[in-house]
Amino acid sequence: MIPSERLKGIEAFVVSADTGSFTAAAERLNLTSSAISKGVARLEARLGSRLFERTTRRLALTDQGAAFYSTCVRVLAELGDAEAVLAAHKTEPVGRLKINVPVAFGRIQVMPVLLDFCRRHPNLRPEISFNDRFVDLIEEGVDVAVRISASDVGGNGLGRRALGHEHLVFCAAPAYLARCGTPMSVEALAEHDCILYGRGDGSTIDWRFGYDGGTVEQRTMTGRMTLGSAEAQVGAIRAGFGIAQLATWLIRDELRRGELVEILPGHATAGLPLHLVWPRSRQLNPKVDAFVEALADGLRID
């Protein structure tokens, strides 16, 4: 089947799903209700699947229809973006930009860069998702993602740009240190309340200790509190509940204001690497290229 045939009926199908009826879709598209109904029927016949459950009051998507709807919406959006790119002569970032970022890093580091980028490019329509799970960029239609991971972030069809490594420090609130004392050695941490980061599977992230000569040791710590959020860790140690190992991008302002104090500076070390990742099929798109450059210039991770 030629590509133009595949597009027939898709707009009628999507608008019918959005509005809940052929009549409403016809009004939006300036067509007759009969034309919309016949277009959707031909699409169903071509696909060999029923897309709607038809009732006297409203259309409802079938399971197959819902899956097909998600794909159609993404395809139509990408076609719209392609037209917008051509209309802008491929010089100005325009259209939808779908971004995926880790929760804390995205809020603290990416959002200021994104907002500044959007001020300079008012025709851009960003969609940003915040989560710490692995996202398949191609499957989920993501244009650019930030990855903080020790595993390989590349792969077939993906481009990437290294940003460097996190810098990990040990820190606590002055009130905690005044109450419990300041540990002067790695071994002394065993006598203190450790605030750990917990993964979804119930495990905790090991602490990393740097030594002279570049040696790095990992230790599984026993904690007073285990939290599944880096920002929650910051809140706990600011409240004086203990000591944590955190990336400096997360606590830069707290350290500057004196709300947190670095301890054991001789054992600070590099953490996980950070990368920008994007589908190579979008690499030459002005909005993707420009946003990658903006992130690479604007993010502060050390």
C-alpha atoms as a PDB file:
ATOM      1  CA  MET A   1       0.000   0.000   0.000  1.00  0.00           C
ATOM      2  CA  ILE A   2       1.377   3.424  -0.917  1.00  0.00           C
ATOM      3  CA  PRO A   3       1.973   5.824   1.996  1.00  0.00           C
ATOM      4  CA  SER A   4      -0.787   8.253   0.929  1.00  0.00           C
ATOM      5  CA  GLU A   5      -3.348   5.455   1.253  1.00  0.00           C
ATOM      6  CA  ARG A   6      -2.333   4.858   4.856  1.00  0.00           C
ATOM      7  CA  LEU A   7      -3.246   8.450   5.746  1.00  0.00           C
ATOM      8  CA  LYS A   8      -6.789   8.245   4.446  1.00  0.00           C
ATOM      9  CA  GLY A   9      -9.362   8.350   7.226  1.00  0.00           C
ATOM     10  CA  ILE A  10      -6.833   8.975   9.999  1.00  0.00           C
ATOM     11  CA  GLU A  11      -7.831  12.584  10.662  1.00  0.00           C
ATOM     12  CA  ALA A  12     -11.521  11.642  10.647  1.00  0.00           C
ATOM     13  CA  PHE A  13     -10.777   8.799  13.069  1.00  0.00           C
ATOM     14  CA  VAL A  14      -8.723  10.967  15.478  1.00  0.00           C
ATOM     15  CA  VAL A  15     -11.234  13.841  15.540  1.00  0.00           C
ATOM     16  CA  SER A  16     -14.105  11.387  16.016  1.00  0.00           C
ATOM     17  CA  ALA A  17     -12.279   9.882  18.990  1.00  0.00           C
ATOM     18  CA  ASP A  18     -11.572  13.347  20.413  1.00  0.00           C
ATOM     19  CA  THR A  19     -15.147  14.602  20.035  1.00  0.00           C
ATOM     20  CA  GLY A  20     -16.992  11.341  20.739  1.00  0.00           C
ATOM     21  CA  SER A  21     -19.243  11.419  17.689  1.00  0.00           C
ATOM     22  CA  PHE A  22     -19.194  11.506  13.908  1.00  0.00           C
ATOM     23  CA  THR A  23     -21.504  14.533  13.929  1.00  0.00           C
ATOM     24  CA  ALA A  24     -19.180  16.619  16.109  1.00  0.00           C
ATOM     25  CA  ALA A  25     -16.182  15.505  14.042  1.00  0.00           C
ATOM     26  CA  ALA A  26     -17.984  16.527  10.862  1.00  0.00           C
ATOM     27  CA  GLU A  27     -18.633  20.009  12.265  1.00  0.00           C
ATOM     28  CA  ARG A  28     -14.978  20.423  13.226  1.00  0.00           C
ATOM     29  CA  LEU A  29     -13.699  19.239   9.834  1.00  0.00           C
ATOM     30  CA  ASN A  30     -16.391  20.976   7.766  1.00  0.00           C
ATOM     31  CA  LEU A  31     -17.574  17.676   6.289  1.00  0.00           C
ATOM     32  CA  THR A  32     -20.807  15.736   6.417  1.00  0.00           C
ATOM     33  CA  SER A  33     -21.458  13.180   9.127  1.00  0.00           C
ATOM     34  CA  SER A  34     -21.877  10.572   6.408  1.00  0.00           C
ATOM     35  CA  ALA A  35     -18.429  11.358   4.970  1.00  0.00           C
ATOM     36  CA  ILE A  36     -16.816  10.972   8.401  1.00  0.00           C
ATOM     37  CA  SER A  37     -18.647   7.705   9.107  1.00  0.00           C
ATOM     38  CA  LYS A  38     -17.747   6.234   5.716  1.00  0.00           C
ATOM     39  CA  GLY A  39     -14.123   7.338   6.057  1.00  0.00           C
ATOM     40  CA  VAL A  40     -13.781   5.604   9.422  1.00  0.00           C
ATOM     41  CA  ALA A  41     -15.550   2.503   8.107  1.00  0.00           C
ATOM     42  CA  ARG A  42     -13.128   2.273   5.169  1.00  0.00           C
ATOM     43  CA  LEU A  43     -10.212   2.692   7.589  1.00  0.00           C
ATOM     44  CA  GLU A  44     -11.535  -0.148   9.763  1.00  0.00           C
ATOM     45  CA  ALA A  45     -11.996  -2.353   6.703  1.00  0.00           C
ATOM     46  CA  ARG A  46      -8.468  -1.623   5.543  1.00  0.00           C
ATOM     47  CA  LEU A  47      -7.019  -2.400   8.979  1.00  0.00           C
ATOM     48  CA  GLY A  48      -9.235  -5.412   9.560  1.00  0.00           C
ATOM     49  CA  SER A  49     -10.020  -4.156  13.061  1.00  0.00           C
ATOM     50  CA  ARG A  50     -12.961  -2.437  14.704  1.00  0.00           C
ATOM     51  CA  LEU A  51     -11.818   0.915  16.111  1.00  0.00           C
ATOM     52  CA  PHE A  52     -15.025   2.100  17.805  1.00  0.00           C
ATOM     53  CA  GLU A  53     -17.806   0.636  19.883  1.00  0.00           C
ATOM     54  CA  ARG A  54     -20.838   2.472  18.507  1.00  0.00           C
ATOM     55  CA  THR A  55     -23.751   3.354  20.787  1.00  0.00           C
ATOM     56  CA  THR A  56     -26.717   5.647  20.249  1.00  0.00           C
ATOM     57  CA  ARG A  57     -25.142   8.318  22.438  1.00  0.00           C
ATOM     58  CA  ARG A  58     -21.370   8.221  21.999  1.00  0.00           C
ATOM     59  CA  LEU A  59     -18.444   6.531  20.295  1.00  0.00           C
ATOM     60  CA  ALA A  60     -16.013   4.603  22.503  1.00  0.00           C
ATOM     61  CA  LEU A  61     -12.617   3.335  21.386  1.00  0.00           C
ATOM     62  CA  THR A  62     -11.993  -0.396  21.402  1.00  0.00           C
ATOM     63  CA  ASP A  63      -8.692  -1.664  22.805  1.00  0.00           C
ATOM     64  CA  GLN A  64      -7.321  -1.856  19.257  1.00  0.00           C
ATOM     65  CA  GLY A  65      -8.728   1.598  18.553  1.00  0.00           C
ATOM     66  CA  ALA A  66      -7.081   3.103  21.626  1.00  0.00           C
ATOM     67  CA  ALA A  67      -3.678   1.712  20.628  1.00  0.00           C
ATOM     68  CA  PHE A  68      -4.097   2.914  17.055  1.00  0.00           C
ATOM     69  CA  TYR A  69      -5.284   6.339  18.293  1.00  0.00           C
ATOM     70  CA  SER A  70      -2.080   6.885  20.300  1.00  0.00           C
ATOM     71  CA  THR A  71       0.036   6.130  17.245  1.00  0.00           C
ATOM     72  CA  CYS A  72      -2.086   8.342  14.972  1.00  0.00           C
ATOM     73  CA  VAL A  73      -1.889  11.308  17.345  1.00  0.00           C
ATOM     74  CA  ARG A  74       1.888  11.008  17.453  1.00  0.00           C
ATOM     75  CA  VAL A  75       2.151  10.696  13.662  1.00  0.00           C
ATOM     76  CA  LEU A  76      -0.111  13.691  13.032  1.00  0.00           C
ATOM     77  CA  ALA A  77       1.868  15.758  15.531  1.00  0.00           C
ATOM     78  CA  GLU A  78       5.121  14.845  13.816  1.00  0.00           C
ATOM     79  CA  LEU A  79       3.663  15.729  10.429  1.00  0.00           C
ATOM     80  CA  GLY A  80       2.580  19.061  11.858  1.00  0.00           C
ATOM     81  CA  ASP A  81       6.054  19.660  13.209  1.00  0.00           C
ATOM     82  CA  ALA A  82       7.589  18.778   9.836  1.00  0.00           C
ATOM     83  CA  GLU A  83       5.347  21.300   8.099  1.00  0.00           C
ATOM     84  CA  ALA A  84       6.209  23.924  10.707  1.00  0.00           C
ATOM     85  CA  VAL A  85       9.923  23.289  10.185  1.00  0.00           C
ATOM     86  CA  LEU A  86       9.560  23.807   6.446  1.00  0.00           C
ATOM     87  CA  ALA A  87       7.465  26.919   6.987  1.00  0.00           C
ATOM     88  CA  ALA A  88      10.214  28.349   9.201  1.00  0.00           C
ATOM     89  CA  HIS A  89      12.794  27.558   6.521  1.00  0.00           C
ATOM     90  CA  LYS A  90      14.535  25.155   8.897  1.00  0.00           C
ATOM     91  CA  THR A  91      16.109  27.972  10.891  1.00  0.00           C
ATOM     92  CA  GLU A  92      13.814  28.506  13.897  1.00  0.00           C
ATOM     93  CA  PRO A  93      12.913  25.866  16.526  1.00  0.00           C
ATOM     94  CA  VAL A  94       9.155  25.447  16.236  1.00  0.00           C
ATOM     95  CA  GLY A  95       6.477  22.888  17.075  1.00  0.00           C
ATOM     96  CA  ARG A  96       6.286  20.208  19.721  1.00  0.00           C
ATOM     97  CA  LEU A  97       9.440  19.226  21.616  1.00  0.00           C
ATOM     98  CA  LYS A  98       9.012  16.118  23.760  1.00  0.00           C
ATOM     99  CA  ILE A  99      11.554  15.883  26.588  1.00  0.00           C
ATOM    100  CA  ASN A 100      12.163  13.246  29.267  1.00  0.00           C
ATOM    101  CA  VAL A 101      14.204  13.974  32.389  1.00  0.00           C
ATOM    102  CA  PRO A 102      14.906  12.464  35.835  1.00  0.00           C
ATOM    103  CA  VAL A 103      12.584  13.955  38.449  1.00  0.00           C
ATOM    104  CA  ALA A 104      14.931  15.959  40.687  1.00  0.00           C
ATOM    105  CA  PHE A 105      17.498  16.798  38.021  1.00  0.00           C
ATOM    106  CA  GLY A 106      14.757  17.874  35.655  1.00  0.00           C
ATOM    107  CA  ARG A 107      13.129  20.216  38.143  1.00  0.00           C
ATOM    108  CA  ILE A 108      16.321  21.763  39.488  1.00  0.00           C
ATOM    109  CA  GLN A 109      18.612  21.795  36.461  1.00  0.00           C
ATOM    110  CA  VAL A 110      16.643  21.326  33.236  1.00  0.00           C
ATOM    111  CA  MET A 111      13.623  23.567  33.886  1.00  0.00           C
ATOM    112  CA  PRO A 112      15.577  26.860  34.137  1.00  0.00           C
ATOM    113  CA  VAL A 113      17.332  26.063  30.843  1.00  0.00           C
ATOM    114  CA  LEU A 114      14.061  25.046  29.189  1.00  0.00           C
ATOM    115  CA  LEU A 115      12.214  28.183  30.311  1.00  0.00           C
ATOM    116  CA  ASP A 116      14.977  30.417  29.005  1.00  0.00           C
ATOM    117  CA  PHE A 117      15.006  28.451  25.742  1.00  0.00           C
ATOM    118  CA  CYS A 118      11.237  28.898  25.375  1.00  0.00           C
ATOM    119  CA  ARG A 119      11.497  32.653  25.938  1.00  0.00           C
ATOM    120  CA  ARG A 120      13.892  32.839  23.019  1.00  0.00           C
ATOM    121  CA  HIS A 121      11.796  30.527  20.839  1.00  0.00           C
ATOM    122  CA  PRO A 122       8.109  31.377  21.434  1.00  0.00           C
ATOM    123  CA  ASN A 123       6.855  29.067  18.665  1.00  0.00           C
ATOM    124  CA  LEU A 124       8.125  25.998  20.523  1.00  0.00           C
ATOM    125  CA  ARG A 125       5.620  23.736  22.317  1.00  0.00           C
ATOM    126  CA  PRO A 126       7.534  21.721  24.936  1.00  0.00           C
ATOM    127  CA  GLU A 127       6.131  18.580  26.543  1.00  0.00           C
ATOM    128  CA  ILE A 128       8.311  17.440  29.436  1.00  0.00           C
ATOM    129  CA  SER A 129       7.897  14.242  31.442  1.00  0.00           C
ATOM    130  CA  PHE A 130       9.581  13.745  34.819  1.00  0.00           C
ATOM    131  CA  ASN A 131      10.336  10.161  35.876  1.00  0.00           C
ATOM    132  CA  ASP A 132      13.252   8.027  36.962  1.00  0.00           C
ATOM    133  CA  ARG A 133      12.347   4.919  34.959  1.00  0.00           C
ATOM    134  CA  PHE A 134      14.047   3.903  31.720  1.00  0.00           C
ATOM    135  CA  VAL A 135      12.236   5.409  28.736  1.00  0.00           C
ATOM    136  CA  ASP A 136      12.417   4.005  25.214  1.00  0.00           C
ATOM    137  CA  LEU A 137      12.851   7.243  23.274  1.00  0.00           C
ATOM    138  CA  ILE A 138      11.835   5.866  19.902  1.00  0.00           C
ATOM    139  CA  GLU A 139       8.865   3.880  21.215  1.00  0.00           C
ATOM    140  CA  GLU A 140       7.520   6.840  23.218  1.00  0.00           C
ATOM    141  CA  GLY A 141       8.286   9.533  20.653  1.00  0.00           C
ATOM    142  CA  VAL A 142      10.762  11.456  22.844  1.00  0.00           C
ATOM    143  CA  ASP A 143      12.937  14.069  21.122  1.00  0.00           C
ATOM    144  CA  VAL A 144      15.578  14.605  23.827  1.00  0.00           C
ATOM    145  CA  ALA A 145      16.252  12.881  27.152  1.00  0.00           C
ATOM    146  CA  VAL A 146      18.666  13.345  30.039  1.00  0.00           C
ATOM    147  CA  ARG A 147      20.143  10.112  31.345  1.00  0.00           C
ATOM    148  CA  ILE A 148      21.999   9.700  34.648  1.00  0.00           C
ATOM    149  CA  SER A 149      23.215   6.139  34.481  1.00  0.00           C
ATOM    150  CA  ALA A 150      26.294   3.944  34.696  1.00  0.00           C
ATOM    151  CA  SER A 151      24.916   1.666  31.965  1.00  0.00           C
ATOM    152  CA  ASP A 152      25.326   2.286  28.253  1.00  0.00           C
ATOM    153  CA  VAL A 153      22.865   4.979  27.199  1.00  0.00           C
ATOM    154  CA  GLY A 154      23.457   4.618  23.470  1.00  0.00           C
ATOM    155  CA  GLY A 155      22.049   1.981  21.208  1.00  0.00           C
ATOM    156  CA  ASN A 156      20.701   1.496  17.764  1.00  0.00           C
ATOM    157  CA  GLY A 157      19.166   4.645  16.370  1.00  0.00           C
ATOM    158  CA  LEU A 158      20.275   6.904  19.239  1.00  0.00           C
ATOM    159  CA  GLY A 159      22.718   9.761  19.359  1.00  0.00           C
ATOM    160  CA  ARG A 160      24.266  10.925  22.606  1.00  0.00           C
ATOM    161  CA  ARG A 161      26.397  13.670  24.114  1.00  0.00           C
ATOM    162  CA  ALA A 162      28.382  13.253  27.319  1.00  0.00           C
ATOM    163  CA  LEU A 163      28.024  16.013  29.907  1.00  0.00           C
ATOM    164  CA  GLY A 164      30.462  14.695  32.509  1.00  0.00           C
ATOM    165  CA  HIS A 165      29.968  13.060  35.904  1.00  0.00           C
ATOM    166  CA  GLU A 166      28.125  14.021  39.039  1.00  0.00           C
ATOM    167  CA  HIS A 167      30.319  15.150  41.945  1.00  0.00           C
ATOM    168  CA  LEU A 168      29.314  13.376  45.166  1.00  0.00           C
ATOM    169  CA  VAL A 169      29.903  14.862  48.614  1.00  0.00           C
ATOM    170  CA  PHE A 170      28.976  13.919  52.166  1.00  0.00           C
ATOM    171  CA  CYS A 171      26.932  16.546  53.956  1.00  0.00           C
ATOM    172  CA  ALA A 172      24.789  17.297  56.987  1.00  0.00           C
ATOM    173  CA  ALA A 173      23.046  20.210  58.671  1.00  0.00           C
ATOM    174  CA  PRO A 174      25.028  22.276  61.193  1.00  0.00           C
ATOM    175  CA  ALA A 175      22.438  21.433  63.856  1.00  0.00           C
ATOM    176  CA  TYR A 176      23.017  17.700  63.415  1.00  0.00           C
ATOM    177  CA  LEU A 177      26.792  18.082  63.575  1.00  0.00           C
ATOM    178  CA  ALA A 178      26.504  20.240  66.707  1.00  0.00           C
ATOM    179  CA  ARG A 179      24.336  17.573  68.340  1.00  0.00           C
ATOM    180  CA  CYS A 180      26.136  14.409  67.175  1.00  0.00           C
ATOM    181  CA  GLY A 181      29.630  15.571  66.289  1.00  0.00           C
ATOM    182  CA  THR A 182      31.450  15.670  62.956  1.00  0.00           C
ATOM    183  CA  PRO A 183      32.794  12.323  61.683  1.00  0.00           C
ATOM    184  CA  MET A 184      36.494  12.571  60.882  1.00  0.00           C
ATOM    185  CA  SER A 185      36.889   9.224  59.097  1.00  0.00           C
ATOM    186  CA  VAL A 186      34.958   6.828  56.905  1.00  0.00           C
ATOM    187  CA  GLU A 187      34.770   4.351  59.772  1.00  0.00           C
ATOM    188  CA  ALA A 188      33.218   6.969  62.036  1.00  0.00           C
ATOM    189  CA  LEU A 189      30.147   7.111  59.771  1.00  0.00           C
ATOM    190  CA  ALA A 190      29.009   3.817  61.288  1.00  0.00           C
ATOM    191  CA  GLU A 191      28.249   5.731  64.510  1.00  0.00           C
ATOM    192  CA  HIS A 192      26.047   8.266  62.707  1.00  0.00           C
ATOM    193  CA  ASP A 193      22.558   8.370  61.227  1.00  0.00           C
ATOM    194  CA  CYS A 194      22.811   7.808  57.477  1.00  0.00           C
ATOM    195  CA  ILE A 195      20.038   8.947  55.140  1.00  0.00           C
ATOM    196  CA  LEU A 196      20.031   6.584  52.153  1.00  0.00           C
ATOM    197  CA  TYR A 197      18.455   6.583  48.700  1.00  0.00           C
ATOM    198  CA  GLY A 198      16.161   3.596  48.123  1.00  0.00           C
ATOM    199  CA  ARG A 199      15.441   2.035  44.749  1.00  0.00           C
ATOM    200  CA  GLY A 200      12.054   0.714  43.718  1.00  0.00           C
ATOM    201  CA  ASP A 201      13.193  -2.889  44.250  1.00  0.00           C
ATOM    202  CA  GLY A 202      13.945  -2.266  47.923  1.00  0.00           C
ATOM    203  CA  SER A 203      17.732  -2.013  47.601  1.00  0.00           C
ATOM    204  CA  THR A 204      19.734   1.095  48.481  1.00  0.00           C
ATOM    205  CA  ILE A 205      22.423   2.913  46.547  1.00  0.00           C
ATOM    206  CA  ASP A 206      25.912   2.212  47.889  1.00  0.00           C
ATOM    207  CA  TRP A 207      28.008   5.111  49.056  1.00  0.00           C
ATOM    208  CA  ARG A 208      31.200   5.813  47.126  1.00  0.00           C
ATOM    209  CA  PHE A 209      34.411   6.845  48.877  1.00  0.00           C
ATOM    210  CA  GLY A 210      37.277   8.448  47.011  1.00  0.00           C
ATOM    211  CA  TYR A 211      40.891   8.045  48.138  1.00  0.00           C
ATOM    212  CA  ASP A 212      44.234   9.511  47.153  1.00  0.00           C
ATOM    213  CA  GLY A 213      45.454   8.126  43.869  1.00  0.00           C
ATOM    214  CA  GLY A 214      41.971   7.918  42.382  1.00  0.00           C
ATOM    215  CA  THR A 215      40.837   4.737  44.113  1.00  0.00           C
ATOM    216  CA  VAL A 216      37.089   4.518  44.702  1.00  0.00           C
ATOM    217  CA  GLU A 217      35.484   2.156  47.216  1.00  0.00           C
ATOM    218  CA  GLN A 218      31.776   1.320  47.369  1.00  0.00           C
ATOM    219  CA  ARG A 219      30.100   0.386  50.631  1.00  0.00           C
ATOM    220  CA  THR A 220      26.578  -0.713  51.474  1.00  0.00           C
ATOM    221  CA  MET A 221      25.532   1.442  54.395  1.00  0.00           C
ATOM    222  CA  THR A 222      23.025   0.926  57.182  1.00  0.00           C
ATOM    223  CA  GLY A 223      20.667   3.848  57.348  1.00  0.00           C
ATOM    224  CA  ARG A 224      18.364   5.428  59.860  1.00  0.00           C
ATOM    225  CA  MET A 225      16.114   6.478  56.992  1.00  0.00           C
ATOM    226  CA  THR A 226      15.730   5.236  53.404  1.00  0.00           C
ATOM    227  CA  LEU A 227      13.985   7.529  50.932  1.00  0.00           C
ATOM    228  CA  GLY A 228      13.058   6.996  47.295  1.00  0.00           C
ATOM    229  CA  SER A 229      13.575  10.650  46.404  1.00  0.00           C
ATOM    230  CA  ALA A 230      16.774  12.674  46.296  1.00  0.00           C
ATOM    231  CA  GLU A 231      14.868  15.836  47.154  1.00  0.00           C
ATOM    232  CA  ALA A 232      13.353  14.070  50.154  1.00  0.00           C
ATOM    233  CA  GLN A 233      16.907  13.225  51.270  1.00  0.00           C
ATOM    234  CA  VAL A 234      17.800  16.896  51.117  1.00  0.00           C
ATOM    235  CA  GLY A 235      14.755  17.744  53.222  1.00  0.00           C
ATOM    236  CA  ALA A 236      15.654  15.130  55.828  1.00  0.00           C
ATOM    237  CA  ILE A 237      19.254  16.196  56.288  1.00  0.00           C
ATOM    238  CA  ARG A 238      18.313  19.889  56.310  1.00  0.00           C
ATOM    239  CA  ALA A 239      15.952  19.009  59.174  1.00  0.00           C
ATOM    240  CA  GLY A 240      18.882  17.503  61.079  1.00  0.00           C
ATOM    241  CA  PHE A 241      18.092  13.801  60.724  1.00  0.00           C
ATOM    242  CA  GLY A 242      21.549  12.697  59.630  1.00  0.00           C
ATOM    243  CA  ILE A 243      24.218  12.519  56.946  1.00  0.00           C
ATOM    244  CA  ALA A 244      23.794  11.783  53.244  1.00  0.00           C
ATOM    245  CA  GLN A 245      25.941  11.463  50.156  1.00  0.00           C
ATOM    246  CA  LEU A 246      24.489  13.706  47.469  1.00  0.00           C
ATOM    247  CA  ALA A 247      25.401  15.201  44.124  1.00  0.00           C
ATOM    248  CA  THR A 248      26.489  18.828  44.268  1.00  0.00           C
ATOM    249  CA  TRP A 249      23.986  19.804  41.530  1.00  0.00           C
ATOM    250  CA  LEU A 250      21.250  18.908  44.013  1.00  0.00           C
ATOM    251  CA  ILE A 251      22.507  20.872  47.026  1.00  0.00           C
ATOM    252  CA  ARG A 252      24.601  23.706  45.562  1.00  0.00           C
ATOM    253  CA  ASP A 253      22.331  26.416  46.987  1.00  0.00           C
ATOM    254  CA  GLU A 254      22.045  24.758  50.410  1.00  0.00           C
ATOM    255  CA  LEU A 255      25.839  24.536  50.678  1.00  0.00           C
ATOM    256  CA  ARG A 256      26.221  28.163  49.578  1.00  0.00           C
ATOM    257  CA  ARG A 257      23.687  29.362  52.163  1.00  0.00           C
ATOM    258  CA  GLY A 258      25.242  27.274  54.931  1.00  0.00           C
ATOM    259  CA  GLU A 259      22.094  25.197  55.446  1.00  0.00           C
ATOM    260  CA  LEU A 260      24.237  22.123  54.765  1.00  0.00           C
ATOM    261  CA  VAL A 261      27.919  21.559  55.440  1.00  0.00           C
ATOM    262  CA  GLU A 262      30.260  19.275  53.537  1.00  0.00           C
ATOM    263  CA  ILE A 263      32.061  16.701  55.664  1.00  0.00           C
ATOM    264  CA  LEU A 264      34.892  14.291  54.808  1.00  0.00           C
ATOM    265  CA  PRO A 265      35.865  16.386  51.757  1.00  0.00           C
ATOM    266  CA  GLY A 266      38.888  14.179  51.149  1.00  0.00           C
ATOM    267  CA  HIS A 267      36.537  11.311  50.264  1.00  0.00           C
ATOM    268  CA  ALA A 268      34.319  13.186  47.793  1.00  0.00           C
ATOM    269  CA  THR A 269      34.303  11.482  44.404  1.00  0.00           C
ATOM    270  CA  ALA A 270      32.764  11.346  40.957  1.00  0.00           C
ATOM    271  CA  GLY A 271      29.322   9.803  40.669  1.00  0.00           C
ATOM    272  CA  LEU A 272      27.251   8.637  37.706  1.00  0.00           C
ATOM    273  CA  PRO A 273      27.844   9.957  34.186  1.00  0.00           C
ATOM    274  CA  LEU A 274      25.259  12.229  32.566  1.00  0.00           C
ATOM    275  CA  HIS A 275      24.304  12.155  28.893  1.00  0.00           C
ATOM    276  CA  LEU A 276      21.906  13.824  26.527  1.00  0.00           C
ATOM    277  CA  VAL A 277      20.262  11.245  24.273  1.00  0.00           C
ATOM    278  CA  TRP A 278      18.081  11.662  21.173  1.00  0.00           C
ATOM    279  CA  PRO A 279      16.842   9.584  18.227  1.00  0.00           C
ATOM    280  CA  ARG A 280      19.230  10.013  15.298  1.00  0.00           C
ATOM    281  CA  SER A 281      16.228  10.412  13.019  1.00  0.00           C
ATOM    282  CA  ARG A 282      15.576  13.766  14.751  1.00  0.00           C
ATOM    283  CA  GLN A 283      19.186  14.897  14.955  1.00  0.00           C
ATOM    284  CA  LEU A 284      18.984  17.403  12.085  1.00  0.00           C
ATOM    285  CA  ASN A 285      15.721  18.904  13.290  1.00  0.00           C
ATOM    286  CA  PRO A 286      16.457  22.514  14.370  1.00  0.00           C
ATOM    287  CA  LYS A 287      14.495  22.262  17.627  1.00  0.00           C
ATOM    288  CA  VAL A 288      16.357  19.132  18.741  1.00  0.00           C
ATOM    289  CA  ASP A 289      19.782  20.414  17.718  1.00  0.00           C
ATOM    290  CA  ALA A 290      19.202  23.798  19.340  1.00  0.00           C
ATOM    291  CA  PHE A 291      17.861  22.355  22.600  1.00  0.00           C
ATOM    292  CA  VAL A 292      20.735  19.880  22.900  1.00  0.00           C
ATOM    293  CA  GLU A 293      23.159  22.791  22.551  1.00  0.00           C
ATOM    294  CA  ALA A 294      21.204  24.848  25.101  1.00  0.00           C
ATOM    295  CA  LEU A 295      21.289  22.004  27.637  1.00  0.00           C
ATOM    296  CA  ALA A 296      24.970  21.286  27.056  1.00  0.00           C
ATOM    297  CA  ASP A 297      25.779  24.972  27.661  1.00  0.00           C
ATOM    298  CA  GLY A 298      23.333  25.617  30.503  1.00  0.00           C
ATOM    299  CA  LEU A 299      23.402  22.574  32.792  1.00  0.00           C
ATOM    300  CA  ARG A 300      25.624  22.751  35.873  1.00  0.00           C
ATOM    301  CA  ILE A 301      26.473  19.327  37.239  1.00  0.00           C
ATOM    302  CA  ASP A 302      29.758  19.755  39.093  1.00  0.00           C
END
